[in-house]
Protein backbone atom coordinates (compact mmCIF):
# COMPACT_ATOMS: atom_id res chain seq x y z
CA MET A 1 32.45 -120.19 -29.37
CA ALA A 2 31.27 -121.27 -32.99
CA THR A 3 33.73 -124.06 -35.13
CA PRO A 4 36.26 -123.04 -37.41
CA ARG A 5 34.28 -123.84 -40.94
CA GLN A 6 35.89 -126.73 -42.66
CA ARG A 7 36.52 -126.80 -46.36
CA PRO A 8 35.62 -129.71 -48.10
CA SER A 9 38.30 -131.55 -50.20
CA SER A 10 38.58 -130.93 -53.81
CA PRO A 11 40.16 -132.56 -56.41
CA SER A 12 43.45 -131.31 -56.75
CA ASN A 13 44.44 -128.16 -57.79
CA PRO A 14 46.25 -127.98 -61.27
CA ASP A 15 48.84 -125.52 -59.54
CA ASP A 16 49.92 -128.44 -57.37
CA GLN A 17 50.59 -130.42 -59.30
CA SER A 18 52.61 -128.34 -61.22
CA THR A 19 56.77 -128.58 -61.63
CA VAL A 20 59.40 -126.39 -62.19
CA ARG A 21 61.23 -125.95 -65.42
CA GLN A 22 64.46 -125.87 -65.51
CA VAL A 23 66.71 -123.40 -67.85
CA SER A 24 68.11 -125.30 -70.04
CA GLN A 25 71.38 -123.25 -70.24
CA PRO A 26 72.83 -121.35 -67.08
CA PRO A 27 73.58 -117.77 -67.32
CA PRO A 28 77.62 -116.74 -67.47
CA PRO A 29 79.15 -116.28 -64.37
CA PHE A 30 79.79 -112.66 -63.54
CA ALA A 31 82.89 -111.73 -63.73
CA ALA A 32 84.29 -110.23 -61.29
CA THR A 33 84.14 -106.14 -62.00
CA SER A 34 83.72 -102.91 -60.68
CA PRO A 35 80.62 -100.43 -61.49
CA ARG A 36 82.21 -98.56 -63.64
CA GLU A 37 84.05 -101.59 -65.76
CA ARG A 38 80.46 -103.52 -65.93
CA LEU A 39 79.14 -99.73 -67.77
CA GLU A 40 82.44 -98.81 -69.97
CA GLY A 41 82.00 -103.60 -70.97
CA LYS A 42 77.98 -101.80 -72.02
CA LEU A 43 79.26 -99.03 -73.96
CA ARG A 44 81.81 -100.42 -75.81
CA THR A 45 79.08 -103.11 -76.67
CA ALA A 46 76.56 -99.86 -77.71
CA ARG A 47 79.44 -98.08 -79.92
CA GLU A 48 79.74 -101.16 -81.33
CA LEU A 49 75.74 -101.56 -82.42
CA LEU A 50 75.53 -97.60 -82.65
CA ASP A 51 78.02 -98.38 -85.49
CA ARG A 52 75.74 -101.00 -87.02
CA LEU A 53 72.08 -99.87 -87.32
CA PRO A 54 70.98 -97.27 -89.49
CA ALA A 55 70.68 -93.87 -87.73
CA SER A 56 66.77 -93.47 -88.55
CA ASP A 57 66.29 -96.56 -86.63
CA GLU A 58 64.69 -95.40 -82.64
CA ARG A 59 65.80 -97.68 -80.88
CA ALA A 60 69.71 -95.97 -82.20
CA ARG A 61 68.63 -93.06 -81.33
CA LEU A 62 67.66 -94.36 -77.21
CA LEU A 63 71.38 -95.90 -77.33
CA GLN A 64 72.95 -93.14 -78.68
CA VAL A 65 70.91 -90.76 -75.73
CA ALA A 66 71.96 -93.60 -73.29
CA VAL A 67 75.60 -93.64 -74.24
CA MET A 68 75.72 -90.32 -74.13
CA ARG A 69 74.23 -89.46 -70.74
CA ARG A 70 76.23 -92.64 -69.18
CA ASP A 71 72.77 -94.19 -68.04
CA GLU A 72 72.84 -97.66 -67.39
CA ALA A 73 69.29 -98.70 -66.32
CA LEU A 74 69.71 -97.30 -70.67
CA LEU A 75 71.09 -99.37 -72.03
CA ASP A 76 69.98 -101.98 -70.47
CA GLY A 77 66.27 -101.76 -71.62
CA VAL A 78 67.90 -100.96 -75.35
CA LEU A 79 70.08 -103.22 -75.01
CA SER A 80 67.89 -106.25 -74.58
CA ALA A 81 64.94 -105.16 -76.67
CA LEU A 82 68.06 -105.11 -79.39
CA GLY A 83 67.87 -109.01 -77.99
CA VAL A 84 72.03 -107.90 -76.77
CA TYR A 85 72.48 -110.25 -73.66
CA VAL A 86 75.12 -108.21 -71.03
CA PRO A 87 75.49 -109.68 -67.66
CA THR A 88 74.78 -107.54 -64.58
CA VAL A 89 75.39 -107.64 -61.66
CA PRO A 90 73.22 -106.42 -58.75
CA PRO A 91 74.97 -103.32 -56.92
CA ALA A 92 75.85 -104.15 -53.32
CA SER A 93 73.54 -104.72 -50.08
CA ARG A 94 74.92 -101.74 -47.68
């Protein structure tokens, strides 16, 4: 039976010395809302943005489609691409 080989000790790895950076400002707490209320809030935000965006903007067209379909995933993606922070709450575990 062979004996296990030991690794030679190497100088400390930079990953061993890394630290986790603290978030400068924690995100606002999530409001206790139903999924429907959360979607309605995102739709309101999207409609307000649509009024300000030019019709020729590709993101405006995507946002319009997301509103028409009530597609929350697409809304989240387009709103984040526009730099709008909309708190999302993960679905409750079953």
